[in-house]
Amino acid sequence: MAATGLAVFDTTLQKTHAWLGEVMRELGTDDRHKAYLALRAVLHALRDRLTVEEVAQLGAQLPMLIRGFYYEGWDPTGKPLKERHKEEFLRHIYNYFKTTRYGEPDVDPEEVARAVFRVLARRVSEGEIEDVVRILPRELRELWPQPEPA
């Protein structure tokens, strides 16, 4: 008897690969692991700056597998973080790459954040993105893609 996948797992795996492909294109890389780290680092940095309610609302729109690593290690105590500056947000992303690879990372954390935010802006409902962006400090809102004029 041949093994078959479970449809819900197959679907989330397919969606996750599509998301990672978009992140790879945005970063101009063929390194799927780098795209995974980028998506994970930015989602964690973003998550820790949102209210608990907004974390749940954004999480509800993520594919199941991505939702899993979005919530991984999350402790809502003391959230959202009170960091207000872009440099602190970008340092979190840079340090994530630093702790998961050997040596100094060869990434531009601002480029990584902007790439993932462009993917989120395409993949998550416009209303949810507006809610997320509205919560963020001005310096972080500037990292999001600007809406196209109607």
C-alpha atoms as a PDB file:
ATOM      1  CA  MET A   1       0.000   0.000   0.000  1.00  0.00           C
ATOM      2  CA  ALA A   2       1.462   3.349  -1.043  1.00  0.00           C
ATOM      3  CA  ALA A   3       1.735   6.098   1.570  1.00  0.00           C
ATOM      4  CA  THR A   4      -0.372   9.132   0.870  1.00  0.00           C
ATOM      5  CA  GLY A   5      -0.177  12.553   2.439  1.00  0.00           C
ATOM      6  CA  LEU A   6      -2.824  14.148   4.542  1.00  0.00           C
ATOM      7  CA  ALA A   7      -4.476  16.870   2.440  1.00  0.00           C
ATOM      8  CA  VAL A   8      -4.306  19.559   5.131  1.00  0.00           C
ATOM      9  CA  PHE A   9      -0.542  18.992   5.549  1.00  0.00           C
ATOM     10  CA  ASP A  10       0.065  18.830   1.815  1.00  0.00           C
ATOM     11  CA  THR A  11      -1.825  22.105   1.354  1.00  0.00           C
ATOM     12  CA  THR A  12       0.043  23.983   4.079  1.00  0.00           C
ATOM     13  CA  LEU A  13       3.366  22.689   2.795  1.00  0.00           C
ATOM     14  CA  GLN A  14       2.475  23.883  -0.710  1.00  0.00           C
ATOM     15  CA  LYS A  15       1.413  27.316   0.616  1.00  0.00           C
ATOM     16  CA  THR A  16       4.576  27.598   2.708  1.00  0.00           C
ATOM     17  CA  HIS A  17       6.744  26.807  -0.314  1.00  0.00           C
ATOM     18  CA  ALA A  18       4.883  29.505  -2.272  1.00  0.00           C
ATOM     19  CA  TRP A  19       5.501  32.063   0.485  1.00  0.00           C
ATOM     20  CA  LEU A  20       9.186  31.103   0.683  1.00  0.00           C
ATOM     21  CA  GLY A  21       9.444  31.400  -3.104  1.00  0.00           C
ATOM     22  CA  GLU A  22       8.089  34.939  -2.899  1.00  0.00           C
ATOM     23  CA  VAL A  23      10.537  35.850  -0.145  1.00  0.00           C
ATOM     24  CA  MET A  24      13.374  34.383  -2.236  1.00  0.00           C
ATOM     25  CA  ARG A  25      12.331  36.490  -5.232  1.00  0.00           C
ATOM     26  CA  GLU A  26      12.052  39.613  -3.084  1.00  0.00           C
ATOM     27  CA  LEU A  27      15.535  39.013  -1.670  1.00  0.00           C
ATOM     28  CA  GLY A  28      16.989  38.054  -5.052  1.00  0.00           C
ATOM     29  CA  THR A  29      18.304  34.729  -3.729  1.00  0.00           C
ATOM     30  CA  ASP A  30      17.917  31.063  -4.504  1.00  0.00           C
ATOM     31  CA  ASP A  31      18.737  30.177  -0.893  1.00  0.00           C
ATOM     32  CA  ARG A  32      15.513  28.702   0.534  1.00  0.00           C
ATOM     33  CA  HIS A  33      17.033  28.512   4.047  1.00  0.00           C
ATOM     34  CA  LYS A  34      17.854  32.234   3.958  1.00  0.00           C
ATOM     35  CA  ALA A  35      14.258  32.945   2.901  1.00  0.00           C
ATOM     36  CA  TYR A  36      12.956  30.797   5.769  1.00  0.00           C
ATOM     37  CA  LEU A  37      15.196  32.613   8.271  1.00  0.00           C
ATOM     38  CA  ALA A  38      14.096  35.970   6.852  1.00  0.00           C
ATOM     39  CA  LEU A  39      10.407  35.116   7.129  1.00  0.00           C
ATOM     40  CA  ARG A  40      10.803  33.709  10.617  1.00  0.00           C
ATOM     41  CA  ALA A  41      12.988  36.549  11.956  1.00  0.00           C
ATOM     42  CA  VAL A  42      10.706  39.278  10.639  1.00  0.00           C
ATOM     43  CA  LEU A  43       7.533  37.546  11.820  1.00  0.00           C
ATOM     44  CA  HIS A  44       9.020  37.161  15.310  1.00  0.00           C
ATOM     45  CA  ALA A  45      10.228  40.766  15.420  1.00  0.00           C
ATOM     46  CA  LEU A  46       6.820  41.963  14.226  1.00  0.00           C
ATOM     47  CA  ARG A  47       4.862  39.660  16.538  1.00  0.00           C
ATOM     48  CA  ASP A  48       6.705  40.928  19.606  1.00  0.00           C
ATOM     49  CA  ARG A  49       5.698  44.503  18.797  1.00  0.00           C
ATOM     50  CA  LEU A  50       1.973  43.808  18.367  1.00  0.00           C
ATOM     51  CA  THR A  51      -0.797  43.584  20.936  1.00  0.00           C
ATOM     52  CA  VAL A  52      -1.839  40.054  21.887  1.00  0.00           C
ATOM     53  CA  GLU A  53      -5.129  40.544  20.027  1.00  0.00           C
ATOM     54  CA  GLU A  54      -3.360  41.696  16.865  1.00  0.00           C
ATOM     55  CA  VAL A  55      -0.866  38.807  17.083  1.00  0.00           C
ATOM     56  CA  ALA A  56      -3.829  36.412  17.001  1.00  0.00           C
ATOM     57  CA  GLN A  57      -5.575  38.234  14.145  1.00  0.00           C
ATOM     58  CA  LEU A  58      -2.450  38.236  11.972  1.00  0.00           C
ATOM     59  CA  GLY A  59      -1.683  34.617  12.901  1.00  0.00           C
ATOM     60  CA  ALA A  60      -5.149  33.549  11.781  1.00  0.00           C
ATOM     61  CA  GLN A  61      -4.295  34.629   8.214  1.00  0.00           C
ATOM     62  CA  LEU A  62      -1.022  32.717   7.971  1.00  0.00           C
ATOM     63  CA  PRO A  63      -0.782  29.214   6.482  1.00  0.00           C
ATOM     64  CA  MET A  64      -0.738  26.576   9.223  1.00  0.00           C
ATOM     65  CA  LEU A  65       2.988  25.771   8.990  1.00  0.00           C
ATOM     66  CA  ILE A  66       4.022  29.439   8.941  1.00  0.00           C
ATOM     67  CA  ARG A  67       1.601  30.090  11.815  1.00  0.00           C
ATOM     68  CA  GLY A  68       3.444  27.398  13.763  1.00  0.00           C
ATOM     69  CA  PHE A  69       6.835  29.077  13.541  1.00  0.00           C
ATOM     70  CA  TYR A  70       5.206  32.519  13.978  1.00  0.00           C
ATOM     71  CA  TYR A  71       4.018  31.433  17.439  1.00  0.00           C
ATOM     72  CA  GLU A  72       7.055  29.272  18.275  1.00  0.00           C
ATOM     73  CA  GLY A  73       8.700  30.494  21.474  1.00  0.00           C
ATOM     74  CA  TRP A  74       6.198  33.314  21.938  1.00  0.00           C
ATOM     75  CA  ASP A  75       5.588  34.553  25.454  1.00  0.00           C
ATOM     76  CA  PRO A  76       2.938  37.292  25.514  1.00  0.00           C
ATOM     77  CA  THR A  77       4.181  38.528  28.912  1.00  0.00           C
ATOM     78  CA  GLY A  78       5.418  42.091  28.564  1.00  0.00           C
ATOM     79  CA  LYS A  79       4.211  42.440  24.978  1.00  0.00           C
ATOM     80  CA  PRO A  80       4.139  44.453  22.941  1.00  0.00           C
ATOM     81  CA  LEU A  81       7.770  45.454  23.401  1.00  0.00           C
ATOM     82  CA  LYS A  82       8.137  49.160  24.030  1.00  0.00           C
ATOM     83  CA  GLU A  83      10.970  49.536  21.519  1.00  0.00           C
ATOM     84  CA  ARG A  84      10.093  52.441  19.255  1.00  0.00           C
ATOM     85  CA  HIS A  85      13.053  52.667  16.889  1.00  0.00           C
ATOM     86  CA  LYS A  86      13.810  51.050  13.571  1.00  0.00           C
ATOM     87  CA  GLU A  87      17.387  50.229  14.633  1.00  0.00           C
ATOM     88  CA  GLU A  88      16.134  48.017  17.501  1.00  0.00           C
ATOM     89  CA  PHE A  89      13.756  46.178  15.172  1.00  0.00           C
ATOM     90  CA  LEU A  90      16.462  45.648  12.555  1.00  0.00           C
ATOM     91  CA  ARG A  91      18.987  44.529  15.192  1.00  0.00           C
ATOM     92  CA  HIS A  92      16.574  41.754  16.210  1.00  0.00           C
ATOM     93  CA  ILE A  93      16.486  40.530  12.589  1.00  0.00           C
ATOM     94  CA  TYR A  94      20.274  40.783  12.203  1.00  0.00           C
ATOM     95  CA  ASN A  95      20.876  38.962  15.493  1.00  0.00           C
ATOM     96  CA  TYR A  96      18.476  36.209  14.454  1.00  0.00           C
ATOM     97  CA  PHE A  97      20.660  35.468  11.437  1.00  0.00           C
ATOM     98  CA  LYS A  98      23.767  35.769  13.619  1.00  0.00           C
ATOM     99  CA  THR A  99      22.552  33.135  16.092  1.00  0.00           C
ATOM    100  CA  THR A 100      21.382  30.676  13.446  1.00  0.00           C
ATOM    101  CA  ARG A 101      24.448  30.742  11.179  1.00  0.00           C
ATOM    102  CA  TYR A 102      28.175  30.694  11.764  1.00  0.00           C
ATOM    103  CA  GLY A 103      30.037  33.980  11.723  1.00  0.00           C
ATOM    104  CA  GLU A 104      28.710  37.386  10.834  1.00  0.00           C
ATOM    105  CA  PRO A 105      25.574  37.276   8.685  1.00  0.00           C
ATOM    106  CA  ASP A 106      25.746  38.633   5.158  1.00  0.00           C
ATOM    107  CA  VAL A 107      22.291  40.172   5.288  1.00  0.00           C
ATOM    108  CA  ASP A 108      20.922  43.679   5.253  1.00  0.00           C
ATOM    109  CA  PRO A 109      18.207  43.518   7.921  1.00  0.00           C
ATOM    110  CA  GLU A 110      16.317  46.453   6.421  1.00  0.00           C
ATOM    111  CA  GLU A 111      16.229  44.727   3.026  1.00  0.00           C
ATOM    112  CA  VAL A 112      15.037  41.542   4.762  1.00  0.00           C
ATOM    113  CA  ALA A 113      12.268  43.385   6.649  1.00  0.00           C
ATOM    114  CA  ARG A 114      11.078  45.210   3.527  1.00  0.00           C
ATOM    115  CA  ALA A 115      11.065  41.975   1.491  1.00  0.00           C
ATOM    116  CA  VAL A 116       8.984  40.076   4.049  1.00  0.00           C
ATOM    117  CA  PHE A 117       6.634  43.032   4.520  1.00  0.00           C
ATOM    118  CA  ARG A 118       6.022  43.131   0.740  1.00  0.00           C
ATOM    119  CA  VAL A 119       5.084  39.438   0.825  1.00  0.00           C
ATOM    120  CA  LEU A 120       2.815  39.961   3.837  1.00  0.00           C
ATOM    121  CA  ALA A 121       1.162  42.925   2.117  1.00  0.00           C
ATOM    122  CA  ARG A 122       0.307  40.672  -0.858  1.00  0.00           C
ATOM    123  CA  ARG A 123      -0.683  37.575   1.127  1.00  0.00           C
ATOM    124  CA  VAL A 124      -2.624  39.008   4.097  1.00  0.00           C
ATOM    125  CA  SER A 125      -5.862  40.961   3.799  1.00  0.00           C
ATOM    126  CA  GLU A 126      -5.510  44.700   3.286  1.00  0.00           C
ATOM    127  CA  GLY A 127      -7.580  45.414   6.400  1.00  0.00           C
ATOM    128  CA  GLU A 128      -5.349  43.265   8.593  1.00  0.00           C
ATOM    129  CA  ILE A 129      -2.187  44.871   7.213  1.00  0.00           C
ATOM    130  CA  GLU A 130      -3.686  48.312   7.924  1.00  0.00           C
ATOM    131  CA  ASP A 131      -4.386  47.223  11.527  1.00  0.00           C
ATOM    132  CA  VAL A 132      -0.835  45.898  11.972  1.00  0.00           C
ATOM    133  CA  VAL A 133       0.822  48.961  10.471  1.00  0.00           C
ATOM    134  CA  ARG A 134      -1.349  51.328  12.508  1.00  0.00           C
ATOM    135  CA  ILE A 135      -0.080  49.766  15.765  1.00  0.00           C
ATOM    136  CA  LEU A 136       3.592  50.148  14.861  1.00  0.00           C
ATOM    137  CA  PRO A 137       5.716  53.202  15.636  1.00  0.00           C
ATOM    138  CA  ARG A 138       6.264  55.636  12.754  1.00  0.00           C
ATOM    139  CA  GLU A 139       9.833  54.428  12.079  1.00  0.00           C
ATOM    140  CA  LEU A 140       8.612  50.851  11.569  1.00  0.00           C
ATOM    141  CA  ARG A 141       5.621  51.872   9.463  1.00  0.00           C
ATOM    142  CA  GLU A 142       8.119  53.361   6.994  1.00  0.00           C
ATOM    143  CA  LEU A 143       9.467  49.861   6.268  1.00  0.00           C
ATOM    144  CA  TRP A 144       6.126  48.713   4.820  1.00  0.00           C
ATOM    145  CA  PRO A 145       5.388  49.120   1.121  1.00  0.00           C
ATOM    146  CA  GLN A 146       3.364  52.188   0.342  1.00  0.00           C
ATOM    147  CA  PRO A 147      -0.124  51.543  -1.029  1.00  0.00           C
ATOM    148  CA  GLU A 148      -0.399  52.109  -4.746  1.00  0.00           C
ATOM    149  CA  PRO A 149      -2.519  55.090  -5.770  1.00  0.00           C
ATOM    150  CA  ALA A 150      -6.014  54.193  -6.962  1.00  0.00           C
END
